Amino acid sequence: MNIEELYNYCLSIPGAEATTPFDDVTLVMKVCDKMFALIPLDAERLCIALKCDPDKAAQLREEYNCVEPAFHMNKTYWNTIYLTGEMADEEVKRWVRHSVDEVIKKLPKKRQKEYYGSVEQ
């Protein structure tokens, strides 16, 4: 998977949009106005930062050498993972979806219902 394929996959998620608020070399992928992924465009190889449940992040770090942890001091729940190595396309897509699901789970119930009501099940 290359950056363009990853970008297109992220945009295929219902309600997803891309912005570049930090700089000209980072794509911020959002759903429901909340970030679910960061894609650095200047990385030497494919790299993506995703929101992840802390237990899932620990599991990923055990399973793959390509996953690096990053913890945000101002966020007690969120744990960001960086997929930086060789991982099958389907695995990358699975973790992108996990990130979206984690973002949606943290929305107020009304917004969750609105999102899932607008998504084909």
PDB file of N, CA and C in Angstrom:
ATOM      1  N   MET A   1       0.859  -1.174   0.000  1.00  0.00           N
ATOM      2  CA  MET A   1       0.000   0.000   0.000  1.00  0.00           C
ATOM      3  C   MET A   1       0.901   1.232   0.000  1.00  0.00           C
ATOM      4  N   ASN A   2       0.570   2.189  -0.844  1.00  0.00           N
ATOM      5  CA  ASN A   2       1.320   3.433  -0.854  1.00  0.00           C
ATOM      6  C   ASN A   2       0.459   4.547  -0.245  1.00  0.00           C
ATOM      7  N   ILE A   3       1.007   5.743  -0.161  1.00  0.00           N
ATOM      8  CA  ILE A   3       0.307   6.842   0.497  1.00  0.00           C
ATOM      9  C   ILE A   3      -0.995   7.179  -0.227  1.00  0.00           C
ATOM     10  N   GLU A   4      -0.975   7.191  -1.552  1.00  0.00           N
ATOM     11  CA  GLU A   4      -2.181   7.514  -2.306  1.00  0.00           C
ATOM     12  C   GLU A   4      -3.284   6.483  -2.058  1.00  0.00           C
ATOM     13  N   GLU A   5      -2.917   5.211  -2.026  1.00  0.00           N
ATOM     14  CA  GLU A   5      -3.899   4.158  -1.749  1.00  0.00           C
ATOM     15  C   GLU A   5      -4.462   4.292  -0.334  1.00  0.00           C
ATOM     16  N   LEU A   6      -3.597   4.583   0.621  1.00  0.00           N
ATOM     17  CA  LEU A   6      -4.037   4.770   2.001  1.00  0.00           C
ATOM     18  C   LEU A   6      -4.984   5.972   2.106  1.00  0.00           C
ATOM     19  N   TYR A   7      -4.600   7.060   1.479  1.00  0.00           N
ATOM     20  CA  TYR A   7      -5.426   8.269   1.462  1.00  0.00           C
ATOM     21  C   TYR A   7      -6.805   7.968   0.867  1.00  0.00           C
ATOM     22  N   ASN A   8      -6.817   7.295  -0.273  1.00  0.00           N
ATOM     23  CA  ASN A   8      -8.091   6.963  -0.921  1.00  0.00           C
ATOM     24  C   ASN A   8      -8.927   6.023  -0.064  1.00  0.00           C
ATOM     25  N   TYR A   9      -8.278   5.078   0.609  1.00  0.00           N
ATOM     26  CA  TYR A   9      -9.031   4.188   1.497  1.00  0.00           C
ATOM     27  C   TYR A   9      -9.664   4.987   2.644  1.00  0.00           C
ATOM     28  N   CYS A  10      -8.886   5.871   3.259  1.00  0.00           N
ATOM     29  CA  CYS A  10      -9.426   6.683   4.357  1.00  0.00           C
ATOM     30  C   CYS A  10     -10.618   7.511   3.880  1.00  0.00           C
ATOM     31  N   LEU A  11     -10.520   8.077   2.680  1.00  0.00           N
ATOM     32  CA  LEU A  11     -11.627   8.883   2.155  1.00  0.00           C
ATOM     33  C   LEU A  11     -12.839   8.040   1.789  1.00  0.00           C
ATOM     34  N   SER A  12     -12.655   6.728   1.607  1.00  0.00           N
ATOM     35  CA  SER A  12     -13.787   5.858   1.286  1.00  0.00           C
ATOM     36  C   SER A  12     -14.660   5.580   2.513  1.00  0.00           C
ATOM     37  N   ILE A  13     -14.170   5.918   3.688  1.00  0.00           N
ATOM     38  CA  ILE A  13     -14.932   5.726   4.922  1.00  0.00           C
ATOM     39  C   ILE A  13     -16.030   6.786   4.965  1.00  0.00           C
ATOM     40  N   PRO A  14     -17.269   6.385   5.202  1.00  0.00           N
ATOM     41  CA  PRO A  14     -18.371   7.349   5.211  1.00  0.00           C
ATOM     42  C   PRO A  14     -18.104   8.527   6.149  1.00  0.00           C
ATOM     43  N   GLY A  15     -18.286   9.728   5.620  1.00  0.00           N
ATOM     44  CA  GLY A  15     -18.116  10.936   6.419  1.00  0.00           C
ATOM     45  C   GLY A  15     -16.685  11.396   6.579  1.00  0.00           C
ATOM     46  N   ALA A  16     -15.726  10.679   6.018  1.00  0.00           N
ATOM     47  CA  ALA A  16     -14.320  11.042   6.186  1.00  0.00           C
ATOM     48  C   ALA A  16     -13.954  12.231   5.308  1.00  0.00           C
ATOM     49  N   GLU A  17     -13.051  13.045   5.830  1.00  0.00           N
ATOM     50  CA  GLU A  17     -12.529  14.178   5.079  1.00  0.00           C
ATOM     51  C   GLU A  17     -11.060  14.368   5.423  1.00  0.00           C
ATOM     52  N   ALA A  18     -10.344  15.072   4.560  1.00  0.00           N
ATOM     53  CA  ALA A  18      -8.912  15.304   4.769  1.00  0.00           C
ATOM     54  C   ALA A  18      -8.660  16.802   4.888  1.00  0.00           C
ATOM     55  N   THR A  19      -7.779  17.165   5.814  1.00  0.00           N
ATOM     56  CA  THR A  19      -7.359  18.554   5.965  1.00  0.00           C
ATOM     57  C   THR A  19      -5.849  18.572   6.171  1.00  0.00           C
ATOM     58  N   THR A  20      -5.253  19.746   6.065  1.00  0.00           N
ATOM     59  CA  THR A  20      -3.822  19.893   6.327  1.00  0.00           C
ATOM     60  C   THR A  20      -3.586  21.100   7.240  1.00  0.00           C
ATOM     61  N   PRO A  21      -4.104  21.061   8.470  1.00  0.00           N
ATOM     62  CA  PRO A  21      -3.984  22.238   9.331  1.00  0.00           C
ATOM     63  C   PRO A  21      -2.612  22.433   9.971  1.00  0.00           C
ATOM     64  N   PHE A  22      -1.838  21.380  10.108  1.00  0.00           N
ATOM     65  CA  PHE A  22      -0.556  21.513  10.809  1.00  0.00           C
ATOM     66  C   PHE A  22       0.535  22.075   9.912  1.00  0.00           C
ATOM     67  N   ASP A  23       0.628  21.551   8.723  1.00  0.00           N
ATOM     68  CA  ASP A  23       1.676  21.933   7.797  1.00  0.00           C
ATOM     69  C   ASP A  23       1.291  21.414   6.418  1.00  0.00           C
ATOM     70  N   ASP A  24       2.154  21.572   5.466  1.00  0.00           N
ATOM     71  CA  ASP A  24       1.837  21.111   4.110  1.00  0.00           C
ATOM     72  C   ASP A  24       2.246  19.674   3.868  1.00  0.00           C
ATOM     73  N   VAL A  25       2.759  18.999   4.868  1.00  0.00           N
ATOM     74  CA  VAL A  25       3.252  17.637   4.654  1.00  0.00           C
ATOM     75  C   VAL A  25       2.534  16.602   5.517  1.00  0.00           C
ATOM     76  N   THR A  26       1.445  16.990   6.153  1.00  0.00           N
ATOM     77  CA  THR A  26       0.685  16.053   6.976  1.00  0.00           C
ATOM     78  C   THR A  26      -0.793  16.132   6.613  1.00  0.00           C
ATOM     79  N   LEU A  27      -1.351  14.994   6.262  1.00  0.00           N
ATOM     80  CA  LEU A  27      -2.797  14.922   6.038  1.00  0.00           C
ATOM     81  C   LEU A  27      -3.466  14.509   7.340  1.00  0.00           C
ATOM     82  N   VAL A  28      -4.471  15.251   7.731  1.00  0.00           N
ATOM     83  CA  VAL A  28      -5.253  14.919   8.911  1.00  0.00           C
ATOM     84  C   VAL A  28      -6.577  14.367   8.412  1.00  0.00           C
ATOM     85  N   MET A  29      -6.847  13.122   8.730  1.00  0.00           N
ATOM     86  CA  MET A  29      -8.085  12.473   8.318  1.00  0.00           C
ATOM     87  C   MET A  29      -9.067  12.579   9.479  1.00  0.00           C
ATOM     88  N   LYS A  30     -10.274  13.051   9.174  1.00  0.00           N
ATOM     89  CA  LYS A  30     -11.285  13.251  10.212  1.00  0.00           C
ATOM     90  C   LYS A  30     -12.587  12.574   9.829  1.00  0.00           C
ATOM     91  N   VAL A  31     -13.320  12.213  10.860  1.00  0.00           N
ATOM     92  CA  VAL A  31     -14.697  11.755  10.709  1.00  0.00           C
ATOM     93  C   VAL A  31     -15.479  12.427  11.832  1.00  0.00           C
ATOM     94  N   CYS A  32     -16.657  12.974  11.512  1.00  0.00           N
ATOM     95  CA  CYS A  32     -17.455  13.720  12.499  1.00  0.00           C
ATOM     96  C   CYS A  32     -16.632  14.832  13.141  1.00  0.00           C
ATOM     97  N   ASP A  33     -15.791  15.474  12.359  1.00  0.00           N
ATOM     98  CA  ASP A  33     -14.922  16.574  12.806  1.00  0.00           C
ATOM     99  C   ASP A  33     -13.883  16.159  13.847  1.00  0.00           C
ATOM    100  N   LYS A  34     -13.629  14.867  13.977  1.00  0.00           N
ATOM    101  CA  LYS A  34     -12.637  14.357  14.935  1.00  0.00           C
ATOM    102  C   LYS A  34     -11.549  13.595  14.180  1.00  0.00           C
ATOM    103  N   MET A  35     -10.306  13.815  14.569  1.00  0.00           N
ATOM    104  CA  MET A  35      -9.194  13.160  13.905  1.00  0.00           C
ATOM    105  C   MET A  35      -9.178  11.658  14.170  1.00  0.00           C
ATOM    106  N   PHE A  36      -9.006  10.863  13.104  1.00  0.00           N
ATOM    107  CA  PHE A  36      -8.808   9.431  13.285  1.00  0.00           C
ATOM    108  C   PHE A  36      -7.474   8.966  12.718  1.00  0.00           C
ATOM    109  N   ALA A  37      -6.806   9.796  11.919  1.00  0.00           N
ATOM    110  CA  ALA A  37      -5.510   9.388  11.373  1.00  0.00           C
ATOM    111  C   ALA A  37      -4.709  10.601  10.936  1.00  0.00           C
ATOM    112  N   LEU A  38      -3.389  10.454  11.066  1.00  0.00           N
ATOM    113  CA  LEU A  38      -2.441  11.428  10.525  1.00  0.00           C
ATOM    114  C   LEU A  38      -1.561  10.682   9.529  1.00  0.00           C
ATOM    115  N   ILE A  39      -1.418  11.243   8.349  1.00  0.00           N
ATOM    116  CA  ILE A  39      -0.584  10.617   7.325  1.00  0.00           C
ATOM    117  C   ILE A  39       0.499  11.613   6.928  1.00  0.00           C
ATOM    118  N   PRO A  40       1.745  11.389   7.366  1.00  0.00           N
ATOM    119  CA  PRO A  40       2.824  12.282   6.950  1.00  0.00           C
ATOM    120  C   PRO A  40       3.195  12.021   5.490  1.00  0.00           C
ATOM    121  N   LEU A  41       3.172  13.064   4.690  1.00  0.00           N
ATOM    122  CA  LEU A  41       3.462  12.922   3.266  1.00  0.00           C
ATOM    123  C   LEU A  41       4.949  12.922   2.966  1.00  0.00           C
ATOM    124  N   ASP A  42       5.755  13.353   3.928  1.00  0.00           N
ATOM    125  CA  ASP A  42       7.195  13.427   3.696  1.00  0.00           C
ATOM    126  C   ASP A  42       7.963  12.241   4.289  1.00  0.00           C
ATOM    127  N   ALA A  43       7.243  11.220   4.750  1.00  0.00           N
ATOM    128  CA  ALA A  43       7.910  10.040   5.326  1.00  0.00           C
ATOM    129  C   ALA A  43       8.611   9.248   4.220  1.00  0.00           C
ATOM    130  N   GLU A  44       9.727   8.634   4.564  1.00  0.00           N
ATOM    131  CA  GLU A  44      10.469   7.845   3.590  1.00  0.00           C
ATOM    132  C   GLU A  44       9.709   6.586   3.182  1.00  0.00           C
ATOM    133  N   ARG A  45       8.918   6.049   4.097  1.00  0.00           N
ATOM    134  CA  ARG A  45       8.083   4.899   3.774  1.00  0.00           C
ATOM    135  C   ARG A  45       6.715   5.128   4.394  1.00  0.00           C
ATOM    136  N   LEU A  46       5.752   4.317   4.008  1.00  0.00           N
ATOM    137  CA  LEU A  46       4.386   4.501   4.467  1.00  0.00           C
ATOM    138  C   LEU A  46       4.325   4.560   5.987  1.00  0.00           C
ATOM    139  N   CYS A  47       3.627   5.554   6.485  1.00  0.00           N
ATOM    140  CA  CYS A  47       3.517   5.759   7.926  1.00  0.00           C
ATOM    141  C   CYS A  47       2.146   6.361   8.194  1.00  0.00           C
ATOM    142  N   ILE A  48       1.495   5.897   9.247  1.00  0.00           N
ATOM    143  CA  ILE A  48       0.199   6.449   9.628  1.00  0.00           C
ATOM    144  C   ILE A  48       0.070   6.411  11.146  1.00  0.00           C
ATOM    145  N   ALA A  49      -0.475   7.475  11.711  1.00  0.00           N
ATOM    146  CA  ALA A  49      -0.746   7.522  13.147  1.00  0.00           C
ATOM    147  C   ALA A  49      -2.246   7.361  13.323  1.00  0.00           C
ATOM    148  N   LEU A  50      -2.637   6.448  14.204  1.00  0.00           N
ATOM    149  CA  LEU A  50      -4.043   6.122  14.413  1.00  0.00           C
ATOM    150  C   LEU A  50      -4.411   6.183  15.884  1.00  0.00           C
ATOM    151  N   LYS A  51      -5.677   6.477  16.145  1.00  0.00           N
ATOM    152  CA  LYS A  51      -6.214   6.373  17.503  1.00  0.00           C
ATOM    153  C   LYS A  51      -6.437   4.896  17.782  1.00  0.00           C
ATOM    154  N   CYS A  52      -6.170   4.486  19.007  1.00  0.00           N
ATOM    155  CA  CYS A  52      -6.288   3.067  19.316  1.00  0.00           C
ATOM    156  C   CYS A  52      -6.590   2.868  20.791  1.00  0.00           C
ATOM    157  N   ASP A  53      -7.464   1.909  21.071  1.00  0.00           N
ATOM    158  CA  ASP A  53      -7.711   1.504  22.438  1.00  0.00           C
ATOM    159  C   ASP A  53      -6.381   1.039  23.032  1.00  0.00           C
ATOM    160  N   PRO A  54      -6.028   1.447  24.263  1.00  0.00           N
ATOM    161  CA  PRO A  54      -4.727   1.075  24.830  1.00  0.00           C
ATOM    162  C   PRO A  54      -4.450  -0.425  24.837  1.00  0.00           C
ATOM    163  N   ASP A  55      -5.470  -1.241  25.125  1.00  0.00           N
ATOM    164  CA  ASP A  55      -5.249  -2.692  25.111  1.00  0.00           C
ATOM    165  C   ASP A  55      -4.945  -3.200  23.710  1.00  0.00           C
ATOM    166  N   LYS A  56      -5.634  -2.653  22.719  1.00  0.00           N
ATOM    167  CA  LYS A  56      -5.378  -3.043  21.327  1.00  0.00           C
ATOM    168  C   LYS A  56      -3.985  -2.589  20.897  1.00  0.00           C
ATOM    169  N   ALA A  57      -3.572  -1.407  21.360  1.00  0.00           N
ATOM    170  CA  ALA A  57      -2.245  -0.912  21.015  1.00  0.00           C
ATOM    171  C   ALA A  57      -1.164  -1.845  21.558  1.00  0.00           C
ATOM    172  N   ALA A  58      -1.363  -2.310  22.789  1.00  0.00           N
ATOM    173  CA  ALA A  58      -0.399  -3.254  23.367  1.00  0.00           C
ATOM    174  C   ALA A  58      -0.358  -4.540  22.543  1.00  0.00           C
ATOM    175  N   GLN A  59      -1.518  -5.012  22.125  1.00  0.00           N
ATOM    176  CA  GLN A  59      -1.589  -6.211  21.288  1.00  0.00           C
ATOM    177  C   GLN A  59      -0.844  -5.988  19.964  1.00  0.00           C
ATOM    178  N   LEU A  60      -1.051  -4.849  19.351  1.00  0.00           N
ATOM    179  CA  LEU A  60      -0.376  -4.540  18.088  1.00  0.00           C
ATOM    180  C   LEU A  60       1.134  -4.524  18.250  1.00  0.00           C
ATOM    181  N   ARG A  61       1.592  -3.907  19.339  1.00  0.00           N
ATOM    182  CA  ARG A  61       3.040  -3.829  19.555  1.00  0.00           C
ATOM    183  C   ARG A  61       3.651  -5.208  19.757  1.00  0.00           C
ATOM    184  N   GLU A  62       2.890  -6.130  20.318  1.00  0.00           N
ATOM    185  CA  GLU A  62       3.385  -7.502  20.485  1.00  0.00           C
ATOM    186  C   GLU A  62       3.409  -8.244  19.158  1.00  0.00           C
ATOM    187  N   GLU A  63       2.407  -8.010  18.313  1.00  0.00           N
ATOM    188  CA  GLU A  63       2.267  -8.747  17.061  1.00  0.00           C
ATOM    189  C   GLU A  63       3.166  -8.241  15.941  1.00  0.00           C
ATOM    190  N   TYR A  64       3.424  -6.937  15.899  1.00  0.00           N
ATOM    191  CA  TYR A  64       4.125  -6.350  14.763  1.00  0.00           C
ATOM    192  C   TYR A  64       5.308  -5.501  15.215  1.00  0.00           C
ATOM    193  N   ASN A  65       6.419  -5.676  14.551  1.00  0.00           N
ATOM    194  CA  ASN A  65       7.571  -4.818  14.803  1.00  0.00           C
ATOM    195  C   ASN A  65       7.345  -3.414  14.267  1.00  0.00           C
ATOM    196  N   CYS A  66       6.386  -3.265  13.365  1.00  0.00           N
ATOM    197  CA  CYS A  66       6.191  -1.979  12.700  1.00  0.00           C
ATOM    198  C   CYS A  66       5.390  -0.986  13.520  1.00  0.00           C
ATOM    199  N   VAL A  67       4.847  -1.407  14.641  1.00  0.00           N
ATOM    200  CA  VAL A  67       3.994  -0.519  15.429  1.00  0.00           C
ATOM    201  C   VAL A  67       4.813   0.119  16.541  1.00  0.00           C
ATOM    202  N   GLU A  68       4.793   1.426  16.558  1.00  0.00           N
ATOM    203  CA  GLU A  68       5.508   2.171  17.593  1.00  0.00           C
ATOM    204  C   GLU A  68       4.493   2.915  18.450  1.00  0.00           C
ATOM    205  N   PRO A  69       4.678   2.935  19.765  1.00  0.00           N
ATOM    206  CA  PRO A  69       3.708   3.604  20.625  1.00  0.00           C
ATOM    207  C   PRO A  69       3.954   5.107  20.719  1.00  0.00           C
ATOM    208  N   ALA A  70       2.919   5.815  20.998  1.00  0.00           N
ATOM    209  CA  ALA A  70       3.028   7.234  21.345  1.00  0.00           C
ATOM    210  C   ALA A  70       1.889   7.522  22.305  1.00  0.00           C
ATOM    211  N   PHE A  71       2.205   8.099  23.416  1.00  0.00           N
ATOM    212  CA  PHE A  71       1.195   8.388  24.427  1.00  0.00           C
ATOM    213  C   PHE A  71       1.030   9.890  24.551  1.00  0.00           C
ATOM    214  N   HIS A  72      -0.193  10.337  24.657  1.00  0.00           N
ATOM    215  CA  HIS A  72      -0.468  11.760  24.798  1.00  0.00           C
ATOM    216  C   HIS A  72      -0.778  12.056  26.251  1.00  0.00           C
ATOM    217  N   MET A  73       0.018  12.928  26.857  1.00  0.00           N
ATOM    218  CA  MET A  73      -0.145  13.211  28.283  1.00  0.00           C
ATOM    219  C   MET A  73      -1.491  13.864  28.583  1.00  0.00           C
ATOM    220  N   ASN A  74      -2.042  14.614  27.637  1.00  0.00           N
ATOM    221  CA  ASN A  74      -3.302  15.311  27.916  1.00  0.00           C
ATOM    222  C   ASN A  74      -4.526  14.466  27.590  1.00  0.00           C
ATOM    223  N   LYS A  75      -4.336  13.260  27.149  1.00  0.00           N
ATOM    224  CA  LYS A  75      -5.458  12.375  26.825  1.00  0.00           C
ATOM    225  C   LYS A  75      -5.289  11.078  27.610  1.00  0.00           C
ATOM    226  N   THR A  76      -6.187  10.821  28.527  1.00  0.00           N
ATOM    227  CA  THR A  76      -6.039   9.617  29.341  1.00  0.00           C
ATOM    228  C   THR A  76      -6.485   8.369  28.604  1.00  0.00           C
ATOM    229  N   TYR A  77      -7.421   8.493  27.651  1.00  0.00           N
ATOM    230  CA  TYR A  77      -7.923   7.304  26.971  1.00  0.00           C
ATOM    231  C   TYR A  77      -7.151   6.997  25.696  1.00  0.00           C
ATOM    232  N   TRP A  78      -6.906   8.018  24.892  1.00  0.00           N
ATOM    233  CA  TRP A  78      -6.327   7.787  23.583  1.00  0.00           C
ATOM    234  C   TRP A  78      -4.890   7.309  23.652  1.00  0.00           C
ATOM    235  N   ASN A  79      -4.578   6.466  22.760  1.00  0.00           N
ATOM    236  CA  ASN A  79      -3.245   5.940  22.585  1.00  0.00           C
ATOM    237  C   ASN A  79      -3.022   5.954  21.080  1.00  0.00           C
ATOM    238  N   THR A  80      -1.982   6.571  20.628  1.00  0.00           N
ATOM    239  CA  THR A  80      -1.726   6.644  19.196  1.00  0.00           C
ATOM    240  C   THR A  80      -0.724   5.574  18.820  1.00  0.00           C
ATOM    241  N   ILE A  81      -0.971   4.926  17.709  1.00  0.00           N
ATOM    242  CA  ILE A  81      -0.039   3.937  17.189  1.00  0.00           C
ATOM    243  C   ILE A  81       0.461   4.422  15.837  1.00  0.00           C
ATOM    244  N   TYR A  82       1.705   4.126  15.551  1.00  0.00           N
ATOM    245  CA  TYR A  82       2.289   4.470  14.263  1.00  0.00           C
ATOM    246  C   TYR A  82       2.560   3.181  13.518  1.00  0.00           C
ATOM    247  N   LEU A  83       1.884   2.988  12.403  1.00  0.00           N
ATOM    248  CA  LEU A  83       2.157   1.836  11.556  1.00  0.00           C
ATOM    249  C   LEU A  83       3.246   2.272  10.585  1.00  0.00           C
ATOM    250  N   THR A  84       4.437   1.759  10.771  1.00  0.00           N
ATOM    251  CA  THR A  84       5.568   2.258   9.997  1.00  0.00           C
ATOM    252  C   THR A  84       6.309   1.196   9.206  1.00  0.00           C
ATOM    253  N   GLY A  85       5.935  -0.047   9.344  1.00  0.00           N
ATOM    254  CA  GLY A  85       6.695  -1.084   8.653  1.00  0.00           C
ATOM    255  C   GLY A  85       5.852  -1.825   7.654  1.00  0.00           C
ATOM    256  N   GLU A  86       6.308  -2.975   7.287  1.00  0.00           N
ATOM    257  CA  GLU A  86       5.587  -3.800   6.331  1.00  0.00           C
ATOM    258  C   GLU A  86       4.414  -4.480   7.041  1.00  0.00           C
ATOM    259  N   MET A  87       3.226  -4.157   6.603  1.00  0.00           N
ATOM    260  CA  MET A  87       2.010  -4.767   7.142  1.00  0.00           C
ATOM    261  C   MET A  87       1.084  -4.966   5.953  1.00  0.00           C
ATOM    262  N   ALA A  88       0.411  -6.074   5.918  1.00  0.00           N
ATOM    263  CA  ALA A  88      -0.504  -6.363   4.807  1.00  0.00           C
ATOM    264  C   ALA A  88      -1.554  -5.264   4.692  1.00  0.00           C
ATOM    265  N   ASP A  89      -1.949  -4.963   3.461  1.00  0.00           N
ATOM    266  CA  ASP A  89      -2.938  -3.917   3.214  1.00  0.00           C
ATOM    267  C   ASP A  89      -4.200  -4.118   4.028  1.00  0.00           C
ATOM    268  N   GLU A  90      -4.685  -5.337   4.098  1.00  0.00           N
ATOM    269  CA  GLU A  90      -5.920  -5.609   4.841  1.00  0.00           C
ATOM    270  C   GLU A  90      -5.752  -5.326   6.332  1.00  0.00           C
ATOM    271  N   GLU A  91      -4.560  -5.571   6.865  1.00  0.00           N
ATOM    272  CA  GLU A  91      -4.310  -5.260   8.278  1.00  0.00           C
ATOM    273  C   GLU A  91      -4.316  -3.754   8.513  1.00  0.00           C
ATOM    274  N   VAL A  92      -3.680  -3.015   7.611  1.00  0.00           N
ATOM    275  CA  VAL A  92      -3.680  -1.555   7.730  1.00  0.00           C
ATOM    276  C   VAL A  92      -5.120  -1.045   7.697  1.00  0.00           C
ATOM    277  N   LYS A  93      -5.903  -1.545   6.751  1.00  0.00           N
ATOM    278  CA  LYS A  93      -7.303  -1.124   6.638  1.00  0.00           C
ATOM    279  C   LYS A  93      -8.084  -1.470   7.894  1.00  0.00           C
ATOM    280  N   ARG A  94      -7.817  -2.631   8.464  1.00  0.00           N
ATOM    281  CA  ARG A  94      -8.518  -3.048   9.689  1.00  0.00           C
ATOM    282  C   ARG A  94      -8.223  -2.076  10.824  1.00  0.00           C
ATOM    283  N   TRP A  95      -6.975  -1.638  10.954  1.00  0.00           N
ATOM    284  CA  TRP A  95      -6.624  -0.737  12.041  1.00  0.00           C
ATOM    285  C   TRP A  95      -7.107   0.684  11.783  1.00  0.00           C
ATOM    286  N   VAL A  96      -7.208   1.070  10.524  1.00  0.00           N
ATOM    287  CA  VAL A  96      -7.823   2.366  10.213  1.00  0.00           C
ATOM    288  C   VAL A  96      -9.290   2.345  10.648  1.00  0.00           C
ATOM    289  N   ARG A  97     -10.006   1.259  10.330  1.00  0.00           N
ATOM    290  CA  ARG A  97     -11.404   1.139  10.749  1.00  0.00           C
ATOM    291  C   ARG A  97     -11.521   1.136  12.275  1.00  0.00           C
ATOM    292  N   HIS A  98     -10.588   0.465  12.947  1.00  0.00           N
ATOM    293  CA  HIS A  98     -10.591   0.467  14.417  1.00  0.00           C
ATOM    294  C   HIS A  98     -10.469   1.904  14.928  1.00  0.00           C
ATOM    295  N   SER A  99      -9.605   2.678  14.311  1.00  0.00           N
ATOM    296  CA  SER A  99      -9.419   4.060  14.731  1.00  0.00           C
ATOM    297  C   SER A  99     -10.712   4.858  14.561  1.00  0.00           C
ATOM    298  N   VAL A 100     -11.376   4.681  13.420  1.00  0.00           N
ATOM    299  CA  VAL A 100     -12.656   5.356  13.187  1.00  0.00           C
ATOM    300  C   VAL A 100     -13.674   4.923  14.241  1.00  0.00           C
ATOM    301  N   ASP A 101     -13.743   3.630  14.500  1.00  0.00           N
ATOM    302  CA  ASP A 101     -14.689   3.121  15.505  1.00  0.00           C
ATOM    303  C   ASP A 101     -14.405   3.716  16.883  1.00  0.00           C
ATOM    304  N   GLU A 102     -13.131   3.860  17.229  1.00  0.00           N
ATOM    305  CA  GLU A 102     -12.773   4.444  18.524  1.00  0.00           C
ATOM    306  C   GLU A 102     -13.211   5.900  18.605  1.00  0.00           C
ATOM    307  N   VAL A 103     -13.070   6.634  17.505  1.00  0.00           N
ATOM    308  CA  VAL A 103     -13.517   8.029  17.483  1.00  0.00           C
ATOM    309  C   VAL A 103     -15.028   8.094  17.658  1.00  0.00           C
ATOM    310  N   ILE A 104     -15.745   7.261  16.914  1.00  0.00           N
ATOM    311  CA  ILE A 104     -17.212   7.275  16.979  1.00  0.00           C
ATOM    312  C   ILE A 104     -17.695   6.879  18.370  1.00  0.00           C
ATOM    313  N   LYS A 105     -17.050   5.900  19.002  1.00  0.00           N
ATOM    314  CA  LYS A 105     -17.454   5.468  20.358  1.00  0.00           C
ATOM    315  C   LYS A 105     -17.367   6.592  21.376  1.00  0.00           C
ATOM    316  N   LYS A 106     -16.483   7.545  21.146  1.00  0.00           N
ATOM    317  CA  LYS A 106     -16.289   8.639  22.103  1.00  0.00           C
ATOM    318  C   LYS A 106     -17.222   9.821  21.857  1.00  0.00           C
ATOM    319  N   LEU A 107     -17.996   9.763  20.788  1.00  0.00           N
ATOM    320  CA  LEU A 107     -18.956  10.830  20.517  1.00  0.00           C
ATOM    321  C   LEU A 107     -20.158  10.697  21.452  1.00  0.00           C
ATOM    322  N   PRO A 108     -20.887  11.792  21.672  1.00  0.00           N
ATOM    323  CA  PRO A 108     -22.147  11.680  22.412  1.00  0.00           C
ATOM    324  C   PRO A 108     -23.079  10.704  21.686  1.00  0.00           C
ATOM    325  N   LYS A 109     -23.933  10.030  22.447  1.00  0.00           N
ATOM    326  CA  LYS A 109     -24.821   8.998  21.881  1.00  0.00           C
ATOM    327  C   LYS A 109     -25.619   9.506  20.680  1.00  0.00           C
ATOM    328  N   LYS A 110     -26.107  10.726  20.743  1.00  0.00           N
ATOM    329  CA  LYS A 110     -26.898  11.275  19.641  1.00  0.00           C
ATOM    330  C   LYS A 110     -26.067  11.331  18.358  1.00  0.00           C
ATOM    331  N   ARG A 111     -24.829  11.791  18.463  1.00  0.00           N
ATOM    332  CA  ARG A 111     -23.963  11.867  17.272  1.00  0.00           C
ATOM    333  C   ARG A 111     -23.592  10.477  16.772  1.00  0.00           C
ATOM    334  N   GLN A 112     -23.429   9.520  17.693  1.00  0.00           N
ATOM    335  CA  GLN A 112     -23.161   8.140  17.265  1.00  0.00           C
ATOM    336  C   GLN A 112     -24.320   7.624  16.416  1.00  0.00           C
ATOM    337  N   LYS A 113     -25.534   7.834  16.910  1.00  0.00           N
ATOM    338  CA  LYS A 113     -26.723   7.373  16.184  1.00  0.00           C
ATOM    339  C   LYS A 113     -26.824   8.055  14.823  1.00  0.00           C
ATOM    340  N   GLU A 114     -26.532   9.355  14.783  1.00  0.00           N
ATOM    341  CA  GLU A 114     -26.567  10.078  13.512  1.00  0.00           C
ATOM    342  C   GLU A 114     -25.549   9.491  12.533  1.00  0.00           C
ATOM    343  N   TYR A 115     -24.337   9.217  13.046  1.00  0.00           N
ATOM    344  CA  TYR A 115     -23.293   8.669  12.177  1.00  0.00           C
ATOM    345  C   TYR A 115     -23.690   7.292  11.662  1.00  0.00           C
ATOM    346  N   TYR A 116     -24.061   6.406  12.573  1.00  0.00           N
ATOM    347  CA  TYR A 116     -24.398   5.040  12.163  1.00  0.00           C
ATOM    348  C   TYR A 116     -25.687   5.008  11.342  1.00  0.00           C
ATOM    349  N   GLY A 117     -26.577   5.976  11.573  1.00  0.00           N
ATOM    350  CA  GLY A 117     -27.783   6.059  10.767  1.00  0.00           C
ATOM    351  C   GLY A 117     -27.491   6.473   9.330  1.00  0.00           C
ATOM    352  N   SER A 118     -26.370   7.208   9.144  1.00  0.00           N
ATOM    353  CA  SER A 118     -26.007   7.657   7.798  1.00  0.00           C
ATOM    354  C   SER A 118     -25.085   6.662   7.086  1.00  0.00           C
ATOM    355  N   VAL A 119     -24.640   5.640   7.799  1.00  0.00           N
ATOM    356  CA  VAL A 119     -23.728   4.642   7.230  1.00  0.00           C
ATOM    357  C   VAL A 119     -24.505   3.412   6.858  1.00  0.00           C
ATOM    358  N   GLU A 120     -24.293   2.915   5.661  1.00  0.00           N
ATOM    359  CA  GLU A 120     -24.933   1.662   5.257  1.00  0.00           C
ATOM    360  C   GLU A 120     -24.366   0.537   6.094  1.00  0.00           C
ATOM    361  N   GLN A 121     -25.226  -0.189   6.774  1.00  0.00           N
ATOM    362  CA  GLN A 121     -24.766  -1.286   7.629  1.00  0.00           C
ATOM    363  C   GLN A 121     -24.482  -2.529   6.829  1.00  0.00           C
TER     364      GLN A 121
END
